[in-house]
PDB file of N, CA and C in Angstrom:
ATOM      1  N   UNK A   1      -4.549  23.844  -0.314  1.00  0.00           N
ATOM      2  CA  UNK A   1      -4.264  22.426  -0.495  1.00  0.00           C
ATOM      3  C   UNK A   1      -5.143  21.616   0.453  1.00  0.00           C
ATOM      4  N   UNK A   2      -5.800  20.611  -0.094  1.00  0.00           N
ATOM      5  CA  UNK A   2      -6.670  19.745   0.686  1.00  0.00           C
ATOM      6  C   UNK A   2      -5.838  18.734   1.480  1.00  0.00           C
ATOM      7  N   UNK A   3      -6.169  18.584   2.742  1.00  0.00           N
ATOM      8  CA  UNK A   3      -5.469  17.602   3.574  1.00  0.00           C
ATOM      9  C   UNK A   3      -5.844  16.192   3.111  1.00  0.00           C
ATOM     10  N   UNK A   4      -4.885  15.296   3.177  1.00  0.00           N
ATOM     11  CA  UNK A   4      -5.115  13.911   2.773  1.00  0.00           C
ATOM     12  C   UNK A   4      -5.059  13.034   4.008  1.00  0.00           C
ATOM     13  N   UNK A   5      -6.059  12.205   4.184  1.00  0.00           N
ATOM     14  CA  UNK A   5      -6.124  11.303   5.328  1.00  0.00           C
ATOM     15  C   UNK A   5      -5.967   9.870   4.858  1.00  0.00           C
ATOM     16  N   UNK A   6      -5.304   9.067   5.656  1.00  0.00           N
ATOM     17  CA  UNK A   6      -5.166   7.650   5.350  1.00  0.00           C
ATOM     18  C   UNK A   6      -6.482   6.915   5.390  1.00  0.00           C
ATOM     19  N   UNK A   7      -7.511   7.558   5.988  1.00  0.00           N
ATOM     20  CA  UNK A   7      -8.836   6.948   6.061  1.00  0.00           C
ATOM     21  C   UNK A   7      -9.703   7.338   4.871  1.00  0.00           C
ATOM     22  N   UNK A   8      -9.191   8.185   3.978  1.00  0.00           N
ATOM     23  CA  UNK A   8      -9.951   8.645   2.818  1.00  0.00           C
ATOM     24  C   UNK A   8     -10.059   7.545   1.764  1.00  0.00           C
ATOM     25  N   UNK A   9     -11.078   7.658   0.923  1.00  0.00           N
ATOM     26  CA  UNK A   9     -11.254   6.726  -0.194  1.00  0.00           C
ATOM     27  C   UNK A   9     -10.074   6.835  -1.151  1.00  0.00           C
ATOM     28  N   UNK A  10      -9.800   5.755  -1.842  1.00  0.00           N
ATOM     29  CA  UNK A  10      -8.702   5.699  -2.802  1.00  0.00           C
ATOM     30  C   UNK A  10      -8.764   6.856  -3.798  1.00  0.00           C
ATOM     31  N   UNK A  11      -9.948   7.139  -4.312  1.00  0.00           N
ATOM     32  CA  UNK A  11     -10.085   8.200  -5.314  1.00  0.00           C
ATOM     33  C   UNK A  11      -9.861   9.597  -4.748  1.00  0.00           C
ATOM     34  N   UNK A  12      -9.816   9.716  -3.432  1.00  0.00           N
ATOM     35  CA  UNK A  12      -9.539  10.998  -2.776  1.00  0.00           C
ATOM     36  C   UNK A  12      -8.095  11.089  -2.308  1.00  0.00           C
ATOM     37  N   UNK A  13      -7.266  10.136  -2.698  1.00  0.00           N
ATOM     38  CA  UNK A  13      -5.869  10.084  -2.279  1.00  0.00           C
ATOM     39  C   UNK A  13      -4.969  10.180  -3.505  1.00  0.00           C
ATOM     40  N   UNK A  14      -4.531  11.408  -3.885  1.00  0.00           N
ATOM     41  CA  UNK A  14      -3.684  11.540  -5.068  1.00  0.00           C
ATOM     42  C   UNK A  14      -2.399  10.726  -4.968  1.00  0.00           C
ATOM     43  N   UNK A  15      -1.908  10.527  -3.755  1.00  0.00           N
ATOM     44  CA  UNK A  15      -0.691   9.730  -3.589  1.00  0.00           C
ATOM     45  C   UNK A  15      -0.929   8.280  -3.990  1.00  0.00           C
ATOM     46  N   UNK A  16      -2.088   7.729  -3.634  1.00  0.00           N
ATOM     47  CA  UNK A  16      -2.382   6.344  -3.991  1.00  0.00           C
ATOM     48  C   UNK A  16      -2.785   6.214  -5.458  1.00  0.00           C
ATOM     49  N   UNK A  17      -3.388   7.239  -6.003  1.00  0.00           N
ATOM     50  CA  UNK A  17      -3.673   7.215  -7.441  1.00  0.00           C
ATOM     51  C   UNK A  17      -2.371   7.184  -8.235  1.00  0.00           C
ATOM     52  N   UNK A  18      -1.385   7.934  -7.777  1.00  0.00           N
ATOM     53  CA  UNK A  18      -0.059   7.926  -8.417  1.00  0.00           C
ATOM     54  C   UNK A  18       0.593   6.551  -8.244  1.00  0.00           C
ATOM     55  N   UNK A  19       0.454   5.972  -7.052  1.00  0.00           N
ATOM     56  CA  UNK A  19       0.995   4.635  -6.805  1.00  0.00           C
ATOM     57  C   UNK A  19       0.367   3.623  -7.761  1.00  0.00           C
ATOM     58  N   UNK A  20      -0.936   3.743  -8.001  1.00  0.00           N
ATOM     59  CA  UNK A  20      -1.621   2.831  -8.924  1.00  0.00           C
ATOM     60  C   UNK A  20      -1.042   2.949 -10.330  1.00  0.00           C
ATOM     61  N   UNK A  21      -0.771   4.177 -10.758  1.00  0.00           N
ATOM     62  CA  UNK A  21      -0.182   4.399 -12.080  1.00  0.00           C
ATOM     63  C   UNK A  21       1.204   3.774 -12.161  1.00  0.00           C
ATOM     64  N   UNK A  22       2.004   3.995 -11.134  1.00  0.00           N
ATOM     65  CA  UNK A  22       3.358   3.434 -11.111  1.00  0.00           C
ATOM     66  C   UNK A  22       3.327   1.907 -11.040  1.00  0.00           C
ATOM     67  N   UNK A  23       2.375   1.362 -10.286  1.00  0.00           N
ATOM     68  CA  UNK A  23       2.262  -0.095 -10.169  1.00  0.00           C
ATOM     69  C   UNK A  23       1.889  -0.717 -11.510  1.00  0.00           C
ATOM     70  N   UNK A  24       0.980  -0.071 -12.210  1.00  0.00           N
ATOM     71  CA  UNK A  24       0.561  -0.581 -13.521  1.00  0.00           C
ATOM     72  C   UNK A  24       1.742  -0.635 -14.485  1.00  0.00           C
ATOM     73  N   UNK A  25       2.633   0.339 -14.361  1.00  0.00           N
ATOM     74  CA  UNK A  25       3.825   0.396 -15.216  1.00  0.00           C
ATOM     75  C   UNK A  25       4.971  -0.443 -14.655  1.00  0.00           C
ATOM     76  N   UNK A  26       4.731  -1.068 -13.486  1.00  0.00           N
ATOM     77  CA  UNK A  26       5.779  -1.839 -12.789  1.00  0.00           C
ATOM     78  C   UNK A  26       7.052  -0.991 -12.655  1.00  0.00           C
ATOM     79  N   UNK A  27       6.846   0.256 -12.225  1.00  0.00           N
ATOM     80  CA  UNK A  27       7.922   1.245 -12.175  1.00  0.00           C
ATOM     81  C   UNK A  27       8.681   1.273 -10.849  1.00  0.00           C
ATOM     82  N   UNK A  28       8.359   0.370  -9.942  1.00  0.00           N
ATOM     83  CA  UNK A  28       9.086   0.308  -8.668  1.00  0.00           C
ATOM     84  C   UNK A  28       9.139  -1.134  -8.199  1.00  0.00           C
ATOM     85  N   UNK A  29      10.138  -1.436  -7.401  1.00  0.00           N
ATOM     86  CA  UNK A  29      10.233  -2.789  -6.846  1.00  0.00           C
ATOM     87  C   UNK A  29      10.199  -2.786  -5.323  1.00  0.00           C
ATOM     88  N   UNK A  30      10.118  -1.585  -4.764  1.00  0.00           N
ATOM     89  CA  UNK A  30      10.106  -1.451  -3.314  1.00  0.00           C
ATOM     90  C   UNK A  30       9.330  -0.186  -2.955  1.00  0.00           C
ATOM     91  N   UNK A  31       8.425  -0.310  -2.002  1.00  0.00           N
ATOM     92  CA  UNK A  31       7.687   0.837  -1.489  1.00  0.00           C
ATOM     93  C   UNK A  31       8.104   1.030  -0.049  1.00  0.00           C
ATOM     94  N   UNK A  32       8.720   2.149   0.251  1.00  0.00           N
ATOM     95  CA  UNK A  32       9.183   2.430   1.613  1.00  0.00           C
ATOM     96  C   UNK A  32       8.155   3.278   2.333  1.00  0.00           C
ATOM     97  N   UNK A  33       7.816   2.845   3.545  1.00  0.00           N
ATOM     98  CA  UNK A  33       6.842   3.554   4.370  1.00  0.00           C
ATOM     99  C   UNK A  33       7.371   3.689   5.785  1.00  0.00           C
ATOM    100  N   UNK A  34       6.889   4.697   6.472  1.00  0.00           N
ATOM    101  CA  UNK A  34       7.270   4.863   7.873  1.00  0.00           C
ATOM    102  C   UNK A  34       6.716   3.693   8.694  1.00  0.00           C
ATOM    103  N   UNK A  35       5.434   3.412   8.477  1.00  0.00           N
ATOM    104  CA  UNK A  35       4.761   2.299   9.145  1.00  0.00           C
ATOM    105  C   UNK A  35       3.628   1.848   8.235  1.00  0.00           C
ATOM    106  N   UNK A  36       3.307   0.580   8.243  1.00  0.00           N
ATOM    107  CA  UNK A  36       2.276   0.034   7.353  1.00  0.00           C
ATOM    108  C   UNK A  36       0.952   0.777   7.446  1.00  0.00           C
ATOM    109  N   UNK A  37       0.559   1.168   8.645  1.00  0.00           N
ATOM    110  CA  UNK A  37      -0.748   1.818   8.785  1.00  0.00           C
ATOM    111  C   UNK A  37      -0.775   3.229   8.211  1.00  0.00           C
ATOM    112  N   UNK A  38       0.348   3.742   7.747  1.00  0.00           N
ATOM    113  CA  UNK A  38       0.370   5.060   7.130  1.00  0.00           C
ATOM    114  C   UNK A  38      -0.099   4.993   5.674  1.00  0.00           C
ATOM    115  N   UNK A  39      -0.106   3.810   5.086  1.00  0.00           N
ATOM    116  CA  UNK A  39      -0.583   3.678   3.705  1.00  0.00           C
ATOM    117  C   UNK A  39      -2.087   3.867   3.616  1.00  0.00           C
ATOM    118  N   UNK A  40      -2.811   3.183   4.480  1.00  0.00           N
ATOM    119  CA  UNK A  40      -4.266   3.319   4.499  1.00  0.00           C
ATOM    120  C   UNK A  40      -4.789   2.880   5.857  1.00  0.00           C
ATOM    121  N   UNK A  41      -5.790   3.597   6.293  1.00  0.00           N
ATOM    122  CA  UNK A  41      -6.502   3.233   7.525  1.00  0.00           C
ATOM    123  C   UNK A  41      -8.008   3.225   7.240  1.00  0.00           C
ATOM    124  N   UNK A  42      -8.332   2.975   5.976  1.00  0.00           N
ATOM    125  CA  UNK A  42      -9.734   2.986   5.561  1.00  0.00           C
ATOM    126  C   UNK A  42     -10.493   1.882   6.275  1.00  0.00           C
ATOM    127  N   UNK A  43     -11.751   2.133   6.602  1.00  0.00           N
ATOM    128  CA  UNK A  43     -12.555   1.132   7.312  1.00  0.00           C
ATOM    129  C   UNK A  43     -12.997  -0.020   6.414  1.00  0.00           C
ATOM    130  N   UNK A  44     -13.024   0.201   5.119  1.00  0.00           N
ATOM    131  CA  UNK A  44     -13.449  -0.836   4.166  1.00  0.00           C
ATOM    132  C   UNK A  44     -12.262  -1.734   3.821  1.00  0.00           C
ATOM    133  N   UNK A  45     -12.371  -3.037   4.110  1.00  0.00           N
ATOM    134  CA  UNK A  45     -11.261  -3.944   3.816  1.00  0.00           C
ATOM    135  C   UNK A  45     -10.914  -4.011   2.325  1.00  0.00           C
ATOM    136  N   UNK A  46     -11.891  -3.761   1.452  1.00  0.00           N
ATOM    137  CA  UNK A  46     -11.600  -3.772   0.016  1.00  0.00           C
ATOM    138  C   UNK A  46     -10.711  -2.599  -0.374  1.00  0.00           C
ATOM    139  N   UNK A  47     -10.905  -1.449   0.252  1.00  0.00           N
ATOM    140  CA  UNK A  47     -10.035  -0.291   0.010  1.00  0.00           C
ATOM    141  C   UNK A  47      -8.614  -0.595   0.488  1.00  0.00           C
ATOM    142  N   UNK A  48      -8.507  -1.230   1.654  1.00  0.00           N
ATOM    143  CA  UNK A  48      -7.172  -1.585   2.175  1.00  0.00           C
ATOM    144  C   UNK A  48      -6.508  -2.613   1.270  1.00  0.00           C
ATOM    145  N   UNK A  49      -7.280  -3.582   0.796  1.00  0.00           N
ATOM    146  CA  UNK A  49      -6.731  -4.616  -0.087  1.00  0.00           C
ATOM    147  C   UNK A  49      -6.275  -4.032  -1.416  1.00  0.00           C
ATOM    148  N   UNK A  50      -6.932  -2.976  -1.871  1.00  0.00           N
ATOM    149  CA  UNK A  50      -6.553  -2.355  -3.146  1.00  0.00           C
ATOM    150  C   UNK A  50      -5.112  -1.842  -3.087  1.00  0.00           C
ATOM    151  N   UNK A  51      -4.717  -1.306  -1.951  1.00  0.00           N
ATOM    152  CA  UNK A  51      -3.346  -0.793  -1.809  1.00  0.00           C
ATOM    153  C   UNK A  51      -2.353  -1.949  -1.882  1.00  0.00           C
ATOM    154  N   UNK A  52      -2.629  -3.021  -1.165  1.00  0.00           N
ATOM    155  CA  UNK A  52      -1.747  -4.186  -1.199  1.00  0.00           C
ATOM    156  C   UNK A  52      -1.684  -4.760  -2.614  1.00  0.00           C
ATOM    157  N   UNK A  53      -2.811  -4.779  -3.307  1.00  0.00           N
ATOM    158  CA  UNK A  53      -2.859  -5.301  -4.673  1.00  0.00           C
ATOM    159  C   UNK A  53      -2.001  -4.481  -5.623  1.00  0.00           C
ATOM    160  N   UNK A  54      -1.969  -3.172  -5.425  1.00  0.00           N
ATOM    161  CA  UNK A  54      -1.126  -2.317  -6.273  1.00  0.00           C
ATOM    162  C   UNK A  54       0.336  -2.731  -6.160  1.00  0.00           C
ATOM    163  N   UNK A  55       0.770  -2.910  -4.937  1.00  0.00           N
ATOM    164  CA  UNK A  55       2.170  -3.279  -4.702  1.00  0.00           C
ATOM    165  C   UNK A  55       2.436  -4.666  -5.278  1.00  0.00           C
ATOM    166  N   UNK A  56       1.490  -5.556  -5.095  1.00  0.00           N
ATOM    167  CA  UNK A  56       1.636  -6.913  -5.631  1.00  0.00           C
ATOM    168  C   UNK A  56       1.728  -6.902  -7.155  1.00  0.00           C
ATOM    169  N   UNK A  57       0.850  -6.126  -7.817  1.00  0.00           N
ATOM    170  CA  UNK A  57       0.870  -6.039  -9.285  1.00  0.00           C
ATOM    171  C   UNK A  57       2.195  -5.502  -9.802  1.00  0.00           C
ATOM    172  N   UNK A  58       2.808  -4.633  -9.021  1.00  0.00           N
ATOM    173  CA  UNK A  58       4.103  -4.069  -9.431  1.00  0.00           C
ATOM    174  C   UNK A  58       5.228  -5.086  -9.257  1.00  0.00           C
ATOM    175  N   UNK A  59       4.948  -6.186  -8.548  1.00  0.00           N
ATOM    176  CA  UNK A  59       6.001  -7.156  -8.258  1.00  0.00           C
ATOM    177  C   UNK A  59       6.952  -6.624  -7.203  1.00  0.00           C
ATOM    178  N   UNK A  60       6.434  -5.757  -6.341  1.00  0.00           N
ATOM    179  CA  UNK A  60       7.266  -5.059  -5.353  1.00  0.00           C
ATOM    180  C   UNK A  60       7.013  -5.581  -3.938  1.00  0.00           C
ATOM    181  N   UNK A  61       7.806  -5.106  -3.028  1.00  0.00           N
ATOM    182  CA  UNK A  61       7.650  -5.372  -1.600  1.00  0.00           C
ATOM    183  C   UNK A  61       7.485  -4.039  -0.881  1.00  0.00           C
ATOM    184  N   UNK A  62       6.982  -4.111   0.355  1.00  0.00           N
ATOM    185  CA  UNK A  62       6.856  -2.936   1.205  1.00  0.00           C
ATOM    186  C   UNK A  62       7.907  -3.052   2.299  1.00  0.00           C
ATOM    187  N   UNK A  63       8.653  -1.979   2.513  1.00  0.00           N
ATOM    188  CA  UNK A  63       9.682  -1.958   3.549  1.00  0.00           C
ATOM    189  C   UNK A  63       9.352  -0.826   4.509  1.00  0.00           C
ATOM    190  N   UNK A  64       9.235  -1.153   5.806  1.00  0.00           N
ATOM    191  CA  UNK A  64       8.946  -0.095   6.769  1.00  0.00           C
ATOM    192  C   UNK A  64      10.234   0.504   7.321  1.00  0.00           C
ATOM    193  N   UNK A  65      10.095   1.562   8.101  1.00  0.00           N
ATOM    194  CA  UNK A  65      11.247   2.301   8.604  1.00  0.00           C
ATOM    195  C   UNK A  65      12.163   1.445   9.478  1.00  0.00           C
ATOM    196  N   UNK A  66      11.626   0.390  10.063  1.00  0.00           N
ATOM    197  CA  UNK A  66      12.433  -0.513  10.877  1.00  0.00           C
ATOM    198  C   UNK A  66      13.158  -1.570  10.065  1.00  0.00           C
ATOM    199  N   UNK A  67      12.913  -1.577   8.752  1.00  0.00           N
ATOM    200  CA  UNK A  67      13.577  -2.541   7.882  1.00  0.00           C
ATOM    201  C   UNK A  67      12.788  -3.814   7.638  1.00  0.00           C
ATOM    202  N   UNK A  68      11.595  -3.935   8.254  1.00  0.00           N
ATOM    203  CA  UNK A  68      10.767  -5.126   8.030  1.00  0.00           C
ATOM    204  C   UNK A  68      10.252  -5.115   6.592  1.00  0.00           C
ATOM    205  N   UNK A  69      10.307  -6.273   5.961  1.00  0.00           N
ATOM    206  CA  UNK A  69       9.877  -6.405   4.566  1.00  0.00           C
ATOM    207  C   UNK A  69       8.582  -7.208   4.511  1.00  0.00           C
ATOM    208  N   UNK A  70       7.593  -6.665   3.814  1.00  0.00           N
ATOM    209  CA  UNK A  70       6.335  -7.348   3.595  1.00  0.00           C
ATOM    210  C   UNK A  70       6.227  -7.634   2.109  1.00  0.00           C
ATOM    211  N   UNK A  71       6.134  -8.902   1.769  1.00  0.00           N
ATOM    212  CA  UNK A  71       5.997  -9.308   0.366  1.00  0.00           C
ATOM    213  C   UNK A  71       4.540  -9.688   0.124  1.00  0.00           C
ATOM    214  N   UNK A  72       3.784  -8.844  -0.582  1.00  0.00           N
ATOM    215  CA  UNK A  72       2.365  -9.123  -0.781  1.00  0.00           C
ATOM    216  C   UNK A  72       2.093 -10.330  -1.670  1.00  0.00           C
ATOM    217  N   UNK A  73       3.114 -10.880  -2.300  1.00  0.00           N
ATOM    218  CA  UNK A  73       2.936 -12.055  -3.146  1.00  0.00           C
ATOM    219  C   UNK A  73       2.922 -13.341  -2.326  1.00  0.00           C
ATOM    220  N   UNK A  74       3.156 -13.229  -1.026  1.00  0.00           N
ATOM    221  CA  UNK A  74       3.184 -14.414  -0.174  1.00  0.00           C
ATOM    222  C   UNK A  74       1.984 -14.429   0.766  1.00  0.00           C
ATOM    223  N   UNK A  75       1.623 -15.615   1.215  1.00  0.00           N
ATOM    224  CA  UNK A  75       0.529 -15.759   2.173  1.00  0.00           C
ATOM    225  C   UNK A  75       0.876 -15.025   3.470  1.00  0.00           C
ATOM    226  N   UNK A  76       2.133 -15.122   3.889  1.00  0.00           N
ATOM    227  CA  UNK A  76       2.572 -14.433   5.104  1.00  0.00           C
ATOM    228  C   UNK A  76       2.452 -12.923   4.978  1.00  0.00           C
ATOM    229  N   UNK A  77       2.784 -12.403   3.799  1.00  0.00           N
ATOM    230  CA  UNK A  77       2.671 -10.966   3.568  1.00  0.00           C
ATOM    231  C   UNK A  77       1.231 -10.501   3.645  1.00  0.00           C
ATOM    232  N   UNK A  78       0.333 -11.271   3.060  1.00  0.00           N
ATOM    233  CA  UNK A  78      -1.089 -10.936   3.129  1.00  0.00           C
ATOM    234  C   UNK A  78      -1.578 -10.966   4.565  1.00  0.00           C
ATOM    235  N   UNK A  79      -1.158 -11.969   5.311  1.00  0.00           N
ATOM    236  CA  UNK A  79      -1.577 -12.098   6.698  1.00  0.00           C
ATOM    237  C   UNK A  79      -1.093 -10.921   7.540  1.00  0.00           C
ATOM    238  N   UNK A  80       0.173 -10.554   7.383  1.00  0.00           N
ATOM    239  CA  UNK A  80       0.720  -9.414   8.126  1.00  0.00           C
ATOM    240  C   UNK A  80      -0.051  -8.150   7.780  1.00  0.00           C
ATOM    241  N   UNK A  81      -0.371  -7.960   6.493  1.00  0.00           N
ATOM    242  CA  UNK A  81      -1.115  -6.770   6.060  1.00  0.00           C
ATOM    243  C   UNK A  81      -2.482  -6.714   6.739  1.00  0.00           C
ATOM    244  N   UNK A  82      -3.191  -7.833   6.757  1.00  0.00           N
ATOM    245  CA  UNK A  82      -4.533  -7.865   7.341  1.00  0.00           C
ATOM    246  C   UNK A  82      -4.479  -7.603   8.844  1.00  0.00           C
ATOM    247  N   UNK A  83      -3.522  -8.207   9.507  1.00  0.00           N
ATOM    248  CA  UNK A  83      -3.412  -8.052  10.950  1.00  0.00           C
ATOM    249  C   UNK A  83      -2.944  -6.648  11.323  1.00  0.00           C
ATOM    250  N   UNK A  84      -2.098  -6.064  10.487  1.00  0.00           N
ATOM    251  CA  UNK A  84      -1.577  -4.731  10.789  1.00  0.00           C
ATOM    252  C   UNK A  84      -2.653  -3.698  10.601  1.00  0.00           C
TER     253      UNK A  84
END
């Protein structure tokens, strides 16, 4: 089994490819993560934005282990994502 890194390209992340499929089908309304930086740590901002866009297209929010909610449909959610 190939190790998956949060710094890997989207096409090398089967978990994010699955997320893209689920987002397209609007099959979830909440994405739970341990911490925001566990979703992606890619150096390319467009790769990082692609993950946020998936969640936004699904009409979902991101909830971290501490209970903080990030809504990518809001300006504040986008700002928190970029800063995080």
